[in-house]
Amino acid sequence: MASVATADLAYFIDVPSMTHDQASISSNTQDGFDEIAQQIRALQSSQDELSRSIRNLQVRAARIQNQKAAVSRIPSDVLSMIFEECRQLNPQWSGVLFLLHQSPVEVRLSHVSSHWREVALTSPSLWSSIHYPFAHKEPSLMEYLKRSDGSLLDVYIGP
């Protein structure tokens, strides 16, 4: 029905209808476009995969570089004691950290390297101080309780 309307319209405004060759060219153009679009999608997928591979290699290189640092040779138990001292030296009132827009020391220590994170997460006493309400929302409060692993808790309630 659309072709009839086009033919009728062509009669009134003297527009020639599409020839068989033109229809074939149009079809070939669409096929070419679809093929190019498919190639673009394939290349984008390859680019995403390469980006992930590059990032993984960068992480591995950084870990190897970190292992060369002298601090990486500190035994885990000694590092755990150092972490505990850091926690003891920091302000006990979490409101100060909140006002300074800083995370608690135990969180900052656990973000230095994968080795430090492992040591921090396996040091229950590091997670035994609960400051409410500033530093802990319910999900982080539950993490602290889990990480404290049955240690005695120091709970600070304040503004």
Protein backbone atom coordinates (compact mmCIF):
# COMPACT_ATOMS: atom_id res chain seq x y z
CA MET A 1 0.00 0.00 0.00
CA ALA A 2 2.88 2.36 0.73
CA SER A 3 4.27 1.78 -2.78
CA VAL A 4 0.91 2.73 -4.28
CA ALA A 5 0.87 5.96 -2.29
CA THR A 6 4.42 6.70 -3.40
CA ALA A 7 3.54 5.99 -7.02
CA ASP A 8 0.44 8.20 -6.75
CA LEU A 9 2.53 10.96 -5.21
CA ALA A 10 5.15 10.57 -7.94
CA TYR A 11 2.40 11.07 -10.55
CA PHE A 12 1.36 14.41 -9.05
CA ILE A 13 4.82 15.87 -8.39
CA ASP A 14 6.67 14.14 -11.18
CA VAL A 15 9.18 12.26 -8.98
CA PRO A 16 10.54 9.17 -10.66
CA SER A 17 10.04 5.96 -8.70
CA MET A 18 13.03 3.97 -7.44
CA THR A 19 14.47 1.69 -10.07
CA HIS A 20 15.55 -1.85 -9.44
CA ASP A 21 19.23 -0.71 -9.55
CA GLN A 22 18.56 2.01 -6.99
CA ALA A 23 16.81 -0.47 -4.68
CA SER A 24 19.78 -2.82 -5.03
CA ILE A 25 22.21 -0.01 -4.17
CA SER A 26 20.07 0.95 -1.17
CA SER A 27 20.07 -2.67 0.00
CA ASN A 28 23.84 -2.94 -0.49
CA THR A 29 24.31 0.33 1.43
CA GLN A 30 22.28 -1.02 4.35
CA ASP A 31 24.22 -4.29 4.27
CA GLY A 32 27.49 -2.34 4.25
CA PHE A 33 26.31 -0.19 7.14
CA ASP A 34 25.27 -3.25 9.15
CA GLU A 35 28.65 -4.88 8.50
CA ILE A 36 30.53 -1.77 9.61
CA ALA A 37 28.36 -1.47 12.73
CA GLN A 38 29.11 -5.12 13.57
CA GLN A 39 32.85 -4.53 13.09
CA ILE A 40 32.68 -1.49 15.38
CA ARG A 41 30.96 -3.54 18.09
CA ALA A 42 33.57 -6.29 17.75
CA LEU A 43 36.43 -3.77 18.00
CA GLN A 44 34.85 -2.09 21.03
CA SER A 45 34.54 -5.47 22.70
CA SER A 46 38.21 -6.18 21.94
CA GLN A 47 39.14 -2.74 23.27
CA ASP A 48 37.28 -3.43 26.53
CA GLU A 49 39.03 -6.78 26.89
CA LEU A 50 42.43 -5.18 26.21
CA SER A 51 41.71 -2.45 28.78
CA ARG A 52 40.91 -5.09 31.40
CA SER A 53 44.09 -6.99 30.54
CA ILE A 54 46.18 -3.82 30.79
CA ARG A 55 44.64 -2.97 34.17
CA ASN A 56 45.32 -6.48 35.48
CA LEU A 57 48.94 -6.28 34.36
CA GLN A 58 49.32 -2.85 35.98
CA VAL A 59 47.99 -4.24 39.27
CA ARG A 60 50.39 -7.19 39.09
CA ALA A 61 53.32 -4.87 38.33
CA ALA A 62 52.37 -2.60 41.26
CA ARG A 63 52.24 -5.60 43.62
CA ILE A 64 55.68 -6.74 42.51
CA GLN A 65 57.00 -3.20 42.96
CA ASN A 66 55.43 -2.99 46.45
CA GLN A 67 57.04 -6.27 47.46
CA LYS A 68 60.45 -4.70 46.88
CA ALA A 69 59.80 -1.96 49.47
CA ALA A 70 61.47 -2.44 52.85
CA VAL A 71 58.17 -2.00 54.69
CA SER A 72 56.87 -5.11 52.93
CA ARG A 73 59.43 -7.20 54.79
CA ILE A 74 58.06 -6.26 58.23
CA PRO A 75 56.55 -9.42 59.74
CA SER A 76 52.75 -9.37 59.89
CA ASP A 77 52.62 -9.62 63.70
CA VAL A 78 54.93 -6.61 64.07
CA LEU A 79 52.91 -4.69 61.49
CA SER A 80 49.75 -5.53 63.42
CA MET A 81 51.29 -4.07 66.60
CA ILE A 82 52.26 -0.91 64.69
CA PHE A 83 48.68 -0.62 63.43
CA GLU A 84 47.37 -0.95 66.98
CA GLU A 85 49.72 1.82 68.13
CA CYS A 86 48.48 4.03 65.31
CA ARG A 87 44.91 3.40 66.40
CA GLN A 88 45.80 4.25 70.03
CA LEU A 89 47.51 7.51 69.01
CA ASN A 90 44.62 8.78 66.89
CA PRO A 91 41.82 10.85 68.41
CA GLN A 92 39.35 8.66 70.25
CA TRP A 93 36.49 10.93 69.34
CA SER A 94 35.40 10.11 65.82
CA GLY A 95 33.76 13.50 65.49
CA VAL A 96 37.21 15.00 64.92
CA LEU A 97 37.86 12.64 62.02
CA PHE A 98 34.39 13.32 60.65
CA LEU A 99 34.95 17.07 60.74
CA LEU A 100 38.30 16.64 59.00
CA HIS A 101 36.63 14.41 56.37
CA GLN A 102 38.97 11.53 57.20
CA SER A 103 38.28 7.85 57.54
CA PRO A 104 39.23 6.15 60.81
CA VAL A 105 42.88 5.10 60.98
CA GLU A 106 42.06 1.38 60.69
CA VAL A 107 40.29 2.03 57.40
CA ARG A 108 43.12 4.18 56.07
CA LEU A 109 45.70 1.55 57.05
CA SER A 110 43.71 -1.15 55.27
CA HIS A 111 43.81 0.86 52.03
CA VAL A 112 47.60 1.20 51.70
CA SER A 113 48.39 -2.11 50.00
CA SER A 114 47.00 -5.60 49.68
CA HIS A 115 49.51 -6.83 52.31
CA TRP A 116 48.52 -4.10 54.77
CA ARG A 117 44.85 -4.82 54.08
CA GLU A 118 45.34 -8.49 54.86
CA VAL A 119 47.14 -7.67 58.12
CA ALA A 120 44.55 -5.06 59.12
CA LEU A 121 41.59 -7.32 58.38
CA THR A 122 43.12 -10.13 60.44
CA SER A 123 43.80 -7.89 63.45
CA PRO A 124 40.54 -8.00 65.44
CA SER A 125 41.66 -5.46 68.04
CA LEU A 126 42.03 -2.87 65.28
CA TRP A 127 38.27 -3.02 64.70
CA SER A 128 37.14 -3.10 68.32
CA SER A 129 36.40 0.63 68.73
CA ILE A 130 32.92 1.58 67.62
CA HIS A 131 32.17 5.28 67.29
CA TYR A 132 28.51 6.11 66.95
CA PRO A 133 26.88 7.90 65.12
CA PHE A 134 29.52 9.75 63.05
CA ALA A 135 31.85 7.11 61.69
CA HIS A 136 29.52 4.15 61.35
CA LYS A 137 26.41 3.60 59.33
CA GLU A 138 24.69 0.26 59.82
CA PRO A 139 26.58 -1.67 57.07
CA SER A 140 30.00 -0.49 58.31
CA LEU A 141 28.94 -1.14 61.91
CA MET A 142 28.19 -4.74 60.96
CA GLU A 143 31.62 -5.01 59.24
CA TYR A 144 33.34 -3.71 62.37
CA LEU A 145 31.52 -6.29 64.50
CA LYS A 146 32.50 -9.07 62.08
CA ARG A 147 36.14 -7.92 61.87
CA SER A 148 36.44 -7.49 65.64
CA ASP A 149 35.94 -11.27 65.80
CA GLY A 150 34.67 -11.45 69.36
CA SER A 151 37.15 -8.94 70.82
CA LEU A 152 36.00 -6.76 73.66
CA LEU A 153 34.45 -3.61 72.18
CA ASP A 154 34.94 0.02 73.11
CA VAL A 155 31.73 1.80 72.16
CA TYR A 156 31.71 5.59 72.00
CA ILE A 157 28.33 7.27 71.77
CA GLY A 158 28.37 10.94 71.12
CA PRO A 159 27.50 13.80 68.86
